[in-house]
Amino acid sequence: MADNFNKDDFKNGKKISALRKKISHLRFFIYVFLAASVLMTSVALLWIYSTFYQPSFETYFSKPTEPVKALLYLSPKTGHYKVGEEFLVDILVNTKGNNVNVAAAYLIYSASKMEVVSIHTSDSVFNMIAEEKILEKEGKIFLTIGKPTPGVNVYNGKVGTIRFKAIEKSNPFVDNIYFDFREGSPDYSAVFLDNKIGTNILEDVRGAKIFID
């Protein structure tokens, strides 16, 4: 009888060992399943948070936001005229894709070499003149012109045209018609964004070099 007991005990031990292995394998698969579920849930929650709750941000690989800016410049950039001849200089604006409703063009010119005959704004992209002044002795021109909302959005829009008369020979090394400009200051040449608070977005200007023979 002792031998039978030992044999039965041995058989039962093998069954228990096999059962333990099965339980161990089952427990492993359960752990893997739970870990995968937790990981997938975390990824889903992170995606939902980043998409609907977290504010957008730029990474190193993100395309940088284009700064809001505008340009004022004169055309032609270079001109050759004779003493006594009249010539035109256009004031142009590039709003760089922004809507603007006011442009202030403050120009300085060589008063000993040329004089201002007139200012024309009939073909301007703006339609309301706020300021139009010529200071002959100082050689300064003030032209502020605007348009109600939505303003203008142009790549090469005309602000106005100045008619000059050449009065003395000139062979300039630098621009002798140029903008009185200080970046960010509304007290100089400026272009104001149509955003209800009038942000000055004029970033740069370009004058003109006029040769007189």
N, C-alpha and C. Protein backbone atom coordinates (compact mmCIF):
# COMPACT_ATOMS: atom_id res chain seq x y z
N MET A 1 0.84 -1.21 0.00
CA MET A 1 0.00 0.00 0.00
C MET A 1 0.86 1.24 0.00
N ALA A 2 1.98 1.20 0.66
CA ALA A 2 2.90 2.35 0.68
C ALA A 2 3.39 2.68 -0.69
N ASP A 3 3.63 1.57 -1.49
CA ASP A 3 4.10 1.83 -2.87
C ASP A 3 3.05 2.53 -3.69
N ASN A 4 1.76 2.11 -3.51
CA ASN A 4 0.68 2.77 -4.25
C ASN A 4 0.57 4.23 -3.87
N PHE A 5 0.72 4.49 -2.59
CA PHE A 5 0.64 5.89 -2.11
C PHE A 5 1.72 6.76 -2.73
N ASN A 6 2.92 6.21 -2.80
CA ASN A 6 4.04 6.97 -3.39
C ASN A 6 3.82 7.24 -4.86
N LYS A 7 3.28 6.18 -5.56
CA LYS A 7 3.02 6.36 -6.98
C LYS A 7 1.94 7.42 -7.21
N ASP A 8 0.89 7.37 -6.40
CA ASP A 8 -0.18 8.36 -6.55
C ASP A 8 0.31 9.77 -6.23
N ASP A 9 1.12 9.83 -5.22
CA ASP A 9 1.66 11.13 -4.81
C ASP A 9 2.54 11.71 -5.91
N PHE A 10 3.30 10.85 -6.53
CA PHE A 10 4.18 11.29 -7.62
C PHE A 10 3.37 11.80 -8.81
N LYS A 11 2.29 11.05 -9.12
CA LYS A 11 1.43 11.46 -10.23
C LYS A 11 0.76 12.80 -9.92
N ASN A 12 0.29 12.91 -8.70
CA ASN A 12 -0.36 14.17 -8.32
C ASN A 12 0.63 15.34 -8.37
N GLY A 13 1.87 15.08 -7.99
CA GLY A 13 2.90 16.13 -8.03
C GLY A 13 3.15 16.62 -9.45
N LYS A 14 3.17 15.67 -10.38
CA LYS A 14 3.37 16.04 -11.79
C LYS A 14 2.20 16.88 -12.29
N LYS A 15 0.98 16.49 -11.89
CA LYS A 15 -0.20 17.25 -12.31
C LYS A 15 -0.16 18.67 -11.75
N ILE A 16 0.24 18.74 -10.47
CA ILE A 16 0.31 20.07 -9.83
C ILE A 16 1.37 20.93 -10.50
N SER A 17 2.50 20.33 -10.83
CA SER A 17 3.58 21.06 -11.50
C SER A 17 3.13 21.57 -12.87
N ALA A 18 2.43 20.70 -13.63
CA ALA A 18 1.92 21.10 -14.94
C ALA A 18 0.90 22.22 -14.81
N LEU A 19 0.05 22.08 -13.79
CA LEU A 19 -0.97 23.10 -13.55
C LEU A 19 -0.33 24.44 -13.21
N ARG A 20 0.73 24.37 -12.38
CA ARG A 20 1.44 25.60 -12.03
C ARG A 20 2.05 26.29 -13.26
N LYS A 21 2.59 25.47 -14.18
CA LYS A 21 3.17 26.03 -15.42
C LYS A 21 2.09 26.73 -16.25
N LYS A 22 0.92 26.05 -16.33
CA LYS A 22 -0.17 26.66 -17.10
C LYS A 22 -0.61 27.99 -16.47
N ILE A 23 -0.71 27.95 -15.13
CA ILE A 23 -1.10 29.18 -14.43
C ILE A 23 -0.05 30.28 -14.64
N SER A 24 1.22 29.89 -14.62
CA SER A 24 2.30 30.85 -14.83
C SER A 24 2.23 31.46 -16.22
N HIS A 25 2.00 30.60 -17.24
CA HIS A 25 1.87 31.11 -18.62
C HIS A 25 0.66 32.02 -18.76
N LEU A 26 -0.46 31.59 -18.15
CA LEU A 26 -1.67 32.40 -18.22
C LEU A 26 -1.46 33.76 -17.56
N ARG A 27 -0.78 33.73 -16.40
CA ARG A 27 -0.49 34.98 -15.68
C ARG A 27 0.39 35.89 -16.53
N PHE A 28 1.37 35.32 -17.25
CA PHE A 28 2.25 36.10 -18.11
C PHE A 28 1.45 36.80 -19.22
N PHE A 29 0.55 36.03 -19.85
CA PHE A 29 -0.26 36.63 -20.93
C PHE A 29 -1.19 37.71 -20.39
N ILE A 30 -1.70 37.49 -19.18
CA ILE A 30 -2.57 38.50 -18.56
C ILE A 30 -1.78 39.79 -18.31
N TYR A 31 -0.55 39.64 -17.79
CA TYR A 31 0.30 40.80 -17.53
C TYR A 31 0.60 41.56 -18.83
N VAL A 32 0.93 40.80 -19.89
CA VAL A 32 1.22 41.42 -21.18
C VAL A 32 0.00 42.16 -21.71
N PHE A 33 -1.17 41.51 -21.57
CA PHE A 33 -2.41 42.13 -22.05
C PHE A 33 -2.71 43.43 -21.29
N LEU A 34 -2.54 43.34 -19.95
CA LEU A 34 -2.79 44.54 -19.14
C LEU A 34 -1.82 45.67 -19.47
N ALA A 35 -0.53 45.32 -19.65
CA ALA A 35 0.47 46.33 -19.98
C ALA A 35 0.18 46.98 -21.33
N ALA A 36 -0.21 46.15 -22.31
CA ALA A 36 -0.54 46.69 -23.63
C ALA A 36 -1.77 47.58 -23.55
N SER A 37 -2.74 47.19 -22.76
CA SER A 37 -3.97 48.00 -22.60
C SER A 37 -3.65 49.35 -21.98
N VAL A 38 -2.82 49.31 -20.92
CA VAL A 38 -2.43 50.56 -20.26
C VAL A 38 -1.68 51.47 -21.22
N LEU A 39 -0.75 50.88 -22.01
CA LEU A 39 0.03 51.67 -22.96
C LEU A 39 -0.86 52.30 -24.01
N MET A 40 -1.78 51.51 -24.58
CA MET A 40 -2.68 52.03 -25.61
C MET A 40 -3.59 53.11 -25.04
N THR A 41 -4.08 52.89 -23.83
CA THR A 41 -4.94 53.90 -23.19
C THR A 41 -4.17 55.20 -22.96
N SER A 42 -2.91 55.09 -22.51
CA SER A 42 -2.09 56.27 -22.26
C SER A 42 -1.83 57.04 -23.55
N VAL A 43 -1.53 56.29 -24.62
CA VAL A 43 -1.29 56.95 -25.91
C VAL A 43 -2.55 57.66 -26.40
N ALA A 44 -3.70 57.00 -26.24
CA ALA A 44 -4.97 57.62 -26.67
C ALA A 44 -5.27 58.87 -25.87
N LEU A 45 -5.07 58.81 -24.56
CA LEU A 45 -5.32 59.98 -23.71
C LEU A 45 -4.36 61.12 -24.04
N LEU A 46 -3.10 60.78 -24.31
CA LEU A 46 -2.11 61.81 -24.66
C LEU A 46 -2.49 62.48 -25.96
N TRP A 47 -2.96 61.69 -26.94
CA TRP A 47 -3.37 62.26 -28.22
C TRP A 47 -4.57 63.18 -28.05
N ILE A 48 -5.55 62.73 -27.26
CA ILE A 48 -6.74 63.56 -27.02
C ILE A 48 -6.35 64.87 -26.34
N TYR A 49 -5.45 64.78 -25.35
CA TYR A 49 -5.02 65.98 -24.63
C TYR A 49 -4.28 66.95 -25.53
N SER A 50 -3.34 66.41 -26.31
CA SER A 50 -2.54 67.28 -27.17
C SER A 50 -3.36 67.90 -28.29
N THR A 51 -4.41 67.16 -28.73
CA THR A 51 -5.23 67.66 -29.84
C THR A 51 -6.27 68.66 -29.38
N PHE A 52 -6.94 68.39 -28.26
CA PHE A 52 -8.09 69.20 -27.87
C PHE A 52 -7.85 70.14 -26.69
N TYR A 53 -6.82 69.86 -25.90
CA TYR A 53 -6.63 70.66 -24.69
C TYR A 53 -5.32 71.43 -24.65
N GLN A 54 -4.25 70.81 -25.08
CA GLN A 54 -2.95 71.46 -24.97
C GLN A 54 -2.79 72.53 -26.05
N PRO A 55 -2.37 73.75 -25.72
CA PRO A 55 -2.15 74.78 -26.74
C PRO A 55 -1.01 74.38 -27.67
N SER A 56 -1.17 74.80 -28.93
CA SER A 56 -0.16 74.44 -29.93
C SER A 56 1.18 75.09 -29.58
N PHE A 57 2.25 74.42 -29.95
CA PHE A 57 3.57 74.97 -29.71
C PHE A 57 4.47 74.57 -30.85
N GLU A 58 5.59 75.28 -30.99
CA GLU A 58 6.53 75.01 -32.06
C GLU A 58 7.71 74.20 -31.54
N THR A 59 8.09 73.19 -32.30
CA THR A 59 9.27 72.42 -31.97
C THR A 59 10.42 72.90 -32.85
N TYR A 60 11.55 72.28 -32.66
CA TYR A 60 12.72 72.65 -33.45
C TYR A 60 12.46 72.45 -34.94
N PHE A 61 11.62 71.47 -35.27
CA PHE A 61 11.36 71.16 -36.66
C PHE A 61 10.13 71.87 -37.21
N SER A 62 9.44 72.62 -36.38
CA SER A 62 8.25 73.33 -36.84
C SER A 62 8.63 74.49 -37.74
N LYS A 63 7.73 74.81 -38.66
CA LYS A 63 7.94 75.99 -39.51
C LYS A 63 7.70 77.23 -38.68
N PRO A 64 8.64 78.15 -38.60
CA PRO A 64 8.47 79.34 -37.76
C PRO A 64 7.33 80.23 -38.24
N THR A 65 6.66 80.86 -37.30
CA THR A 65 5.58 81.76 -37.64
C THR A 65 6.12 83.00 -38.34
N GLU A 66 5.49 83.34 -39.45
CA GLU A 66 5.94 84.52 -40.19
C GLU A 66 5.62 85.78 -39.39
N PRO A 67 6.59 86.65 -39.20
CA PRO A 67 6.32 87.89 -38.47
C PRO A 67 5.39 88.81 -39.26
N VAL A 68 4.56 89.54 -38.54
CA VAL A 68 3.66 90.51 -39.16
C VAL A 68 4.48 91.74 -39.52
N LYS A 69 4.53 92.08 -40.81
CA LYS A 69 5.37 93.20 -41.22
C LYS A 69 4.88 93.79 -42.54
N ALA A 70 5.39 94.97 -42.86
CA ALA A 70 5.09 95.64 -44.12
C ALA A 70 6.31 96.44 -44.55
N LEU A 71 6.33 96.82 -45.83
CA LEU A 71 7.46 97.58 -46.39
C LEU A 71 6.95 98.81 -47.12
N LEU A 72 7.71 99.90 -47.05
CA LEU A 72 7.47 101.09 -47.86
C LEU A 72 8.71 101.34 -48.72
N TYR A 73 8.51 101.69 -49.97
CA TYR A 73 9.66 101.94 -50.84
C TYR A 73 9.28 102.89 -51.96
N LEU A 74 10.30 103.43 -52.62
CA LEU A 74 10.11 104.40 -53.70
C LEU A 74 10.44 103.77 -55.04
N SER A 75 9.76 104.25 -56.07
CA SER A 75 10.02 103.79 -57.44
C SER A 75 9.97 104.99 -58.38
N PRO A 76 10.99 105.18 -59.22
CA PRO A 76 12.12 104.27 -59.43
C PRO A 76 13.14 104.36 -58.29
N LYS A 77 13.91 103.29 -58.13
CA LYS A 77 14.95 103.29 -57.11
C LYS A 77 16.08 104.22 -57.50
N THR A 78 16.32 104.31 -58.80
CA THR A 78 17.36 105.19 -59.34
C THR A 78 16.80 105.94 -60.54
N GLY A 79 17.08 107.25 -60.63
CA GLY A 79 16.60 108.04 -61.76
C GLY A 79 17.65 109.02 -62.24
N HIS A 80 17.64 109.31 -63.56
CA HIS A 80 18.58 110.26 -64.16
C HIS A 80 17.78 111.34 -64.90
N TYR A 81 17.96 112.60 -64.49
CA TYR A 81 17.19 113.69 -65.08
C TYR A 81 18.10 114.89 -65.32
N LYS A 82 17.56 115.87 -66.05
CA LYS A 82 18.31 117.09 -66.35
C LYS A 82 17.74 118.26 -65.55
N VAL A 83 18.56 119.26 -65.30
CA VAL A 83 18.10 120.46 -64.58
C VAL A 83 16.92 121.06 -65.32
N GLY A 84 15.87 121.39 -64.59
CA GLY A 84 14.65 121.94 -65.18
C GLY A 84 13.62 120.90 -65.53
N GLU A 85 14.00 119.62 -65.52
CA GLU A 85 13.08 118.55 -65.87
C GLU A 85 12.25 118.13 -64.67
N GLU A 86 10.97 117.82 -64.93
CA GLU A 86 10.10 117.29 -63.88
C GLU A 86 10.07 115.77 -63.95
N PHE A 87 9.93 115.14 -62.81
CA PHE A 87 9.90 113.68 -62.78
C PHE A 87 9.00 113.19 -61.64
N LEU A 88 8.53 111.95 -61.73
CA LEU A 88 7.61 111.37 -60.76
C LEU A 88 8.29 110.29 -59.93
N VAL A 89 7.96 110.27 -58.67
CA VAL A 89 8.43 109.23 -57.76
C VAL A 89 7.21 108.65 -57.06
N ASP A 90 7.00 107.34 -57.23
CA ASP A 90 5.87 106.67 -56.59
C ASP A 90 6.26 106.17 -55.19
N ILE A 91 5.32 106.32 -54.26
CA ILE A 91 5.45 105.72 -52.94
C ILE A 91 4.65 104.43 -52.96
N LEU A 92 5.30 103.31 -52.71
CA LEU A 92 4.65 102.00 -52.80
C LEU A 92 4.67 101.28 -51.44
N VAL A 93 3.71 100.38 -51.28
CA VAL A 93 3.62 99.61 -50.04
C VAL A 93 3.44 98.14 -50.36
N ASN A 94 4.11 97.31 -49.58
CA ASN A 94 3.92 95.86 -49.62
C ASN A 94 3.45 95.45 -48.23
N THR A 95 2.21 95.00 -48.12
CA THR A 95 1.66 94.68 -46.80
C THR A 95 1.96 93.25 -46.38
N LYS A 96 2.68 92.50 -47.21
CA LYS A 96 3.13 91.14 -46.86
C LYS A 96 1.97 90.23 -46.42
N GLY A 97 0.85 90.36 -47.12
CA GLY A 97 -0.28 89.50 -46.82
C GLY A 97 -1.15 89.96 -45.66
N ASN A 98 -0.88 91.13 -45.11
CA ASN A 98 -1.65 91.66 -43.99
C ASN A 98 -2.63 92.73 -44.46
N ASN A 99 -3.72 92.86 -43.73
CA ASN A 99 -4.66 93.94 -44.00
C ASN A 99 -4.23 95.18 -43.20
N VAL A 100 -4.01 96.28 -43.90
CA VAL A 100 -3.62 97.53 -43.24
C VAL A 100 -4.61 98.61 -43.63
N ASN A 101 -4.81 99.58 -42.75
CA ASN A 101 -5.76 100.64 -43.09
C ASN A 101 -5.17 102.04 -43.06
N VAL A 102 -3.90 102.18 -42.71
CA VAL A 102 -3.25 103.50 -42.73
C VAL A 102 -1.79 103.35 -43.12
N ALA A 103 -1.32 104.24 -43.99
CA ALA A 103 0.10 104.32 -44.33
C ALA A 103 0.54 105.77 -44.15
N ALA A 104 1.63 105.95 -43.41
CA ALA A 104 2.19 107.28 -43.20
C ALA A 104 3.57 107.32 -43.85
N ALA A 105 3.69 108.06 -44.93
CA ALA A 105 4.96 108.17 -45.66
C ALA A 105 5.55 109.54 -45.38
N TYR A 106 6.61 109.58 -44.57
CA TYR A 106 7.32 110.82 -44.24
C TYR A 106 8.65 110.79 -44.99
N LEU A 107 8.77 111.65 -45.98
CA LEU A 107 9.94 111.65 -46.85
C LEU A 107 10.84 112.84 -46.59
N ILE A 108 12.12 112.61 -46.76
CA ILE A 108 13.12 113.68 -46.70
C ILE A 108 13.84 113.69 -48.04
N TYR A 109 14.01 114.89 -48.62
CA TYR A 109 14.66 115.01 -49.92
C TYR A 109 15.66 116.16 -49.91
N SER A 110 16.55 116.18 -50.92
CA SER A 110 17.57 117.24 -51.01
C SER A 110 16.92 118.50 -51.57
N ALA A 111 16.55 119.40 -50.66
CA ALA A 111 15.81 120.61 -51.08
C ALA A 111 16.65 121.52 -51.96
N SER A 112 17.99 121.43 -51.88
CA SER A 112 18.85 122.28 -52.71
C SER A 112 18.99 121.73 -54.13
N LYS A 113 18.59 120.48 -54.34
CA LYS A 113 18.75 119.84 -55.65
C LYS A 113 17.43 119.66 -56.39
N MET A 114 16.34 119.62 -55.65
CA MET A 114 15.03 119.40 -56.27
C MET A 114 13.95 120.06 -55.44
N GLU A 115 12.81 120.31 -56.05
CA GLU A 115 11.67 120.87 -55.33
C GLU A 115 10.42 120.05 -55.64
N VAL A 116 9.49 120.08 -54.71
CA VAL A 116 8.24 119.34 -54.88
C VAL A 116 7.24 120.22 -55.61
N VAL A 117 6.72 119.70 -56.71
CA VAL A 117 5.72 120.42 -57.49
C VAL A 117 4.32 120.10 -56.98
N SER A 118 4.04 118.82 -56.73
CA SER A 118 2.70 118.43 -56.29
C SER A 118 2.71 117.00 -55.74
N ILE A 119 1.61 116.66 -55.06
CA ILE A 119 1.40 115.31 -54.54
C ILE A 119 0.11 114.78 -55.14
N HIS A 120 0.15 113.57 -55.68
CA HIS A 120 -1.03 112.98 -56.31
C HIS A 120 -1.42 111.70 -55.57
N THR A 121 -2.72 111.56 -55.27
CA THR A 121 -3.22 110.36 -54.59
C THR A 121 -4.47 109.79 -55.27
N SER A 122 -4.78 110.29 -56.47
CA SER A 122 -6.02 109.87 -57.14
C SER A 122 -6.03 108.38 -57.48
N ASP A 123 -4.86 107.79 -57.73
CA ASP A 123 -4.80 106.36 -58.05
C ASP A 123 -4.20 105.54 -56.89
N SER A 124 -4.30 106.07 -55.69
CA SER A 124 -3.79 105.36 -54.51
C SER A 124 -4.70 104.19 -54.16
N VAL A 125 -4.13 103.16 -53.54
CA VAL A 125 -4.95 102.04 -53.05
C VAL A 125 -5.74 102.46 -51.81
N PHE A 126 -5.36 103.58 -51.20
CA PHE A 126 -6.10 104.16 -50.08
C PHE A 126 -7.02 105.26 -50.63
N ASN A 127 -7.99 105.67 -49.85
CA ASN A 127 -8.96 106.66 -50.36
C ASN A 127 -9.29 107.80 -49.40
N MET A 128 -8.59 107.87 -48.29
CA MET A 128 -8.87 108.94 -47.33
C MET A 128 -7.56 109.59 -46.90
N ILE A 129 -7.43 110.89 -47.19
CA ILE A 129 -6.21 111.62 -46.85
C ILE A 129 -6.35 112.23 -45.45
N ALA A 130 -5.43 111.89 -44.58
CA ALA A 130 -5.44 112.44 -43.22
C ALA A 130 -4.41 113.55 -43.07
N GLU A 131 -3.34 113.48 -43.86
CA GLU A 131 -2.27 114.48 -43.75
C GLU A 131 -1.55 114.59 -45.09
N GLU A 132 -1.39 115.82 -45.55
CA GLU A 132 -0.65 116.07 -46.80
C GLU A 132 0.05 117.42 -46.66
N LYS A 133 1.36 117.36 -46.47
CA LYS A 133 2.09 118.59 -46.15
C LYS A 133 3.47 118.58 -46.81
N ILE A 134 3.89 119.74 -47.30
CA ILE A 134 5.22 119.91 -47.88
C ILE A 134 5.94 121.01 -47.13
N LEU A 135 7.12 120.71 -46.57
CA LEU A 135 7.96 121.71 -45.92
C LEU A 135 9.16 121.95 -46.81
N GLU A 136 9.08 122.97 -47.65
CA GLU A 136 10.09 123.19 -48.68
C GLU A 136 11.47 123.49 -48.10
N LYS A 137 11.54 124.34 -47.11
CA LYS A 137 12.84 124.72 -46.55
C LYS A 137 13.54 123.54 -45.88
N GLU A 138 12.77 122.71 -45.19
CA GLU A 138 13.35 121.55 -44.50
C GLU A 138 13.55 120.37 -45.45
N GLY A 139 12.90 120.44 -46.63
CA GLY A 139 12.97 119.30 -47.55
C GLY A 139 12.24 118.09 -47.01
N LYS A 140 11.00 118.29 -46.56
CA LYS A 140 10.23 117.19 -45.98
C LYS A 140 8.84 117.12 -46.60
N ILE A 141 8.33 115.91 -46.71
CA ILE A 141 6.98 115.65 -47.20
C ILE A 141 6.27 114.75 -46.18
N PHE A 142 5.03 115.10 -45.84
CA PHE A 142 4.23 114.29 -44.93
C PHE A 142 2.96 113.85 -45.65
N LEU A 143 2.80 112.57 -45.83
CA LEU A 143 1.59 112.05 -46.46
C LEU A 143 1.07 110.88 -45.62
N THR A 144 -0.12 111.07 -45.03
CA THR A 144 -0.78 110.01 -44.27
C THR A 144 -2.13 109.76 -44.91
N ILE A 145 -2.36 108.52 -45.28
CA ILE A 145 -3.55 108.19 -46.06
C ILE A 145 -4.08 106.84 -45.59
N GLY A 146 -5.40 106.67 -45.66
CA GLY A 146 -5.97 105.44 -45.11
C GLY A 146 -7.17 104.92 -45.89
N LYS A 147 -7.70 103.81 -45.40
CA LYS A 147 -8.90 103.20 -45.98
C LYS A 147 -9.58 102.41 -44.87
N PRO A 148 -10.92 102.55 -44.75
CA PRO A 148 -11.64 101.84 -43.68
C PRO A 148 -11.51 100.33 -43.80
N THR A 149 -11.83 99.64 -42.72
CA THR A 149 -11.82 98.18 -42.67
C THR A 149 -12.57 97.59 -43.87
N PRO A 150 -12.01 96.61 -44.55
CA PRO A 150 -10.85 95.80 -44.18
C PRO A 150 -9.51 96.38 -44.63
N GLY A 151 -9.48 97.63 -45.06
CA GLY A 151 -8.23 98.26 -45.47
C GLY A 151 -7.75 97.70 -46.79
N VAL A 152 -6.43 97.59 -46.94
CA VAL A 152 -5.84 97.07 -48.17
C VAL A 152 -4.87 95.94 -47.85
N ASN A 153 -4.74 95.04 -48.81
CA ASN A 153 -3.81 93.92 -48.70
C ASN A 153 -3.16 93.78 -50.07
N VAL A 154 -1.96 94.34 -50.23
CA VAL A 154 -1.35 94.44 -51.55
C VAL A 154 0.13 94.08 -51.50
N TYR A 155 0.61 93.63 -52.65
CA TYR A 155 2.03 93.30 -52.77
C TYR A 155 2.82 94.50 -53.27
N ASN A 156 2.20 95.28 -54.14
CA ASN A 156 2.90 96.41 -54.76
C ASN A 156 1.89 97.54 -54.98
N GLY A 157 1.33 98.04 -53.89
CA GLY A 157 0.26 99.03 -53.98
C GLY A 157 0.78 100.46 -53.90
N LYS A 158 0.16 101.32 -54.68
CA LYS A 158 0.59 102.72 -54.70
C LYS A 158 -0.06 103.51 -53.57
N VAL A 159 0.77 104.16 -52.78
CA VAL A 159 0.30 105.04 -51.71
C VAL A 159 0.03 106.43 -52.27
N GLY A 160 0.95 106.91 -53.09
CA GLY A 160 0.83 108.22 -53.71
C GLY A 160 1.99 108.47 -54.65
N THR A 161 1.93 109.59 -55.35
CA THR A 161 2.98 109.95 -56.30
C THR A 161 3.42 111.39 -56.04
N ILE A 162 4.72 111.60 -56.00
CA ILE A 162 5.28 112.93 -55.80
C ILE A 162 5.88 113.42 -57.13
N ARG A 163 5.49 114.62 -57.54
CA ARG A 163 6.09 115.23 -58.74
C ARG A 163 7.17 116.20 -58.29
N PHE A 164 8.40 115.93 -58.72
CA PHE A 164 9.55 116.78 -58.40
C PHE A 164 10.00 117.56 -59.63
N LYS A 165 10.79 118.58 -59.36
CA LYS A 165 11.46 119.32 -60.43
C LYS A 165 12.94 119.42 -60.08
N ALA A 166 13.79 119.00 -61.01
CA ALA A 166 15.24 119.07 -60.79
C ALA A 166 15.70 120.51 -60.92
N ILE A 167 16.42 121.04 -59.92
CA ILE A 167 16.82 122.45 -59.95
C ILE A 167 18.34 122.63 -59.90
N GLU A 168 19.08 121.57 -59.57
CA GLU A 168 20.53 121.71 -59.52
C GLU A 168 21.18 120.34 -59.72
N LYS A 169 22.37 120.35 -60.31
CA LYS A 169 23.06 119.09 -60.59
C LYS A 169 23.31 118.31 -59.28
N SER A 170 23.22 117.00 -59.43
CA SER A 170 23.40 116.15 -58.26
C SER A 170 23.98 114.80 -58.69
N ASN A 171 25.00 114.35 -57.97
CA ASN A 171 25.61 113.05 -58.23
C ASN A 171 25.75 112.33 -56.89
N PRO A 172 24.65 111.87 -56.35
CA PRO A 172 24.64 111.36 -54.96
C PRO A 172 25.33 110.00 -54.80
N PHE A 173 25.92 109.80 -53.63
CA PHE A 173 26.49 108.50 -53.28
C PHE A 173 25.47 107.64 -52.53
N VAL A 174 24.51 108.31 -51.89
CA VAL A 174 23.45 107.63 -51.15
C VAL A 174 22.10 108.17 -51.60
N ASP A 175 21.04 107.57 -51.12
CA ASP A 175 19.69 108.02 -51.48
C ASP A 175 19.50 109.48 -51.09
N ASN A 176 19.00 110.27 -52.04
CA ASN A 176 18.71 111.67 -51.71
C ASN A 176 17.21 111.95 -51.64
N ILE A 177 16.40 110.91 -51.74
CA ILE A 177 14.99 110.93 -51.33
C ILE A 177 14.80 109.67 -50.49
N TYR A 178 14.43 109.83 -49.23
CA TYR A 178 14.35 108.65 -48.36
C TYR A 178 13.29 108.86 -47.28
N PHE A 179 12.91 107.77 -46.66
CA PHE A 179 11.88 107.81 -45.63
C PHE A 179 12.48 108.20 -44.28
N ASP A 180 11.78 109.07 -43.58
CA ASP A 180 12.10 109.34 -42.18
C ASP A 180 11.50 108.18 -41.39
N PHE A 181 12.36 107.30 -40.89
CA PHE A 181 11.87 106.02 -40.39
C PHE A 181 12.65 105.56 -39.17
N ARG A 182 11.93 105.07 -38.20
CA ARG A 182 12.50 104.39 -37.06
C ARG A 182 11.60 103.20 -36.76
N GLU A 183 12.15 101.99 -36.86
CA GLU A 183 11.34 100.79 -36.76
C GLU A 183 10.56 100.74 -35.44
N GLY A 184 9.26 100.50 -35.59
CA GLY A 184 8.39 100.35 -34.43
C GLY A 184 7.82 101.64 -33.89
N SER A 185 8.28 102.80 -34.39
CA SER A 185 7.79 104.08 -33.86
C SER A 185 6.70 104.65 -34.77
N PRO A 186 5.53 104.96 -34.23
CA PRO A 186 4.45 105.55 -35.01
C PRO A 186 4.66 107.03 -35.30
N ASP A 187 5.70 107.64 -34.74
CA ASP A 187 5.98 109.07 -34.96
C ASP A 187 6.75 109.31 -36.24
N TYR A 188 7.15 108.24 -36.92
CA TYR A 188 7.86 108.35 -38.19
C TYR A 188 7.02 107.66 -39.26
N SER A 189 7.61 107.37 -40.39
CA SER A 189 6.88 106.61 -41.40
C SER A 189 6.37 105.32 -40.77
N ALA A 190 5.15 104.95 -41.13
CA ALA A 190 4.53 103.79 -40.48
C ALA A 190 3.47 103.19 -41.38
N VAL A 191 3.17 101.92 -41.11
CA VAL A 191 2.04 101.23 -41.75
C VAL A 191 1.28 100.54 -40.63
N PHE A 192 -0.01 100.86 -40.53
CA PHE A 192 -0.78 100.39 -39.38
C PHE A 192 -1.71 99.24 -39.75
N LEU A 193 -1.60 98.18 -38.97
CA LEU A 193 -2.39 96.97 -39.16
C LEU A 193 -3.86 97.25 -38.84
N ASP A 194 -4.74 96.67 -39.64
CA ASP A 194 -6.18 96.82 -39.39
C ASP A 194 -6.62 95.80 -38.35
N ASN A 195 -6.25 96.06 -37.11
CA ASN A 195 -6.57 95.13 -36.01
C ASN A 195 -7.27 95.82 -34.84
N LYS A 196 -7.84 96.98 -35.12
CA LYS A 196 -8.62 97.76 -34.14
C LYS A 196 -7.76 98.47 -33.10
N ILE A 197 -6.47 98.16 -33.04
CA ILE A 197 -5.60 98.87 -32.10
C ILE A 197 -4.47 99.60 -32.84
N GLY A 198 -4.42 99.47 -34.17
CA GLY A 198 -3.46 100.23 -34.97
C GLY A 198 -2.01 99.89 -34.71
N THR A 199 -1.64 98.62 -34.82
CA THR A 199 -0.26 98.21 -34.61
C THR A 199 0.60 98.60 -35.81
N ASN A 200 1.71 99.26 -35.53
CA ASN A 200 2.63 99.65 -36.60
C ASN A 200 3.47 98.45 -37.01
N ILE A 201 3.33 98.01 -38.27
CA ILE A 201 4.05 96.82 -38.72
C ILE A 201 5.10 97.15 -39.78
N LEU A 202 5.45 98.42 -39.94
CA LEU A 202 6.47 98.78 -40.93
C LEU A 202 7.83 98.29 -40.45
N GLU A 203 8.41 97.38 -41.24
CA GLU A 203 9.68 96.77 -40.85
C GLU A 203 10.87 97.40 -41.54
N ASP A 204 10.69 97.84 -42.79
CA ASP A 204 11.84 98.35 -43.53
C ASP A 204 11.36 99.30 -44.62
N VAL A 205 12.27 100.13 -45.11
CA VAL A 205 11.96 101.11 -46.15
C VAL A 205 13.11 101.13 -47.17
N ARG A 206 12.80 101.68 -48.36
CA ARG A 206 13.83 101.83 -49.39
C ARG A 206 13.59 103.16 -50.10
N GLY A 207 14.64 103.97 -50.15
CA GLY A 207 14.52 105.29 -50.78
C GLY A 207 14.91 105.25 -52.25
N ALA A 208 15.28 106.44 -52.76
CA ALA A 208 15.65 106.57 -54.17
C ALA A 208 16.88 107.45 -54.32
N LYS A 209 17.66 107.14 -55.35
CA LYS A 209 18.85 107.90 -55.65
C LYS A 209 18.63 108.61 -56.99
N ILE A 210 18.56 109.95 -56.92
CA ILE A 210 18.23 110.74 -58.10
C ILE A 210 19.47 111.51 -58.58
N PHE A 211 19.86 111.23 -59.83
CA PHE A 211 20.99 111.93 -60.46
C PHE A 211 20.46 113.04 -61.36
N ILE A 212 21.05 114.21 -61.22
CA ILE A 212 20.62 115.36 -62.03
C ILE A 212 21.81 115.91 -62.79
N ASP A 213 21.69 116.00 -64.12
CA ASP A 213 22.77 116.52 -64.98
C ASP A 213 22.51 117.96 -65.38
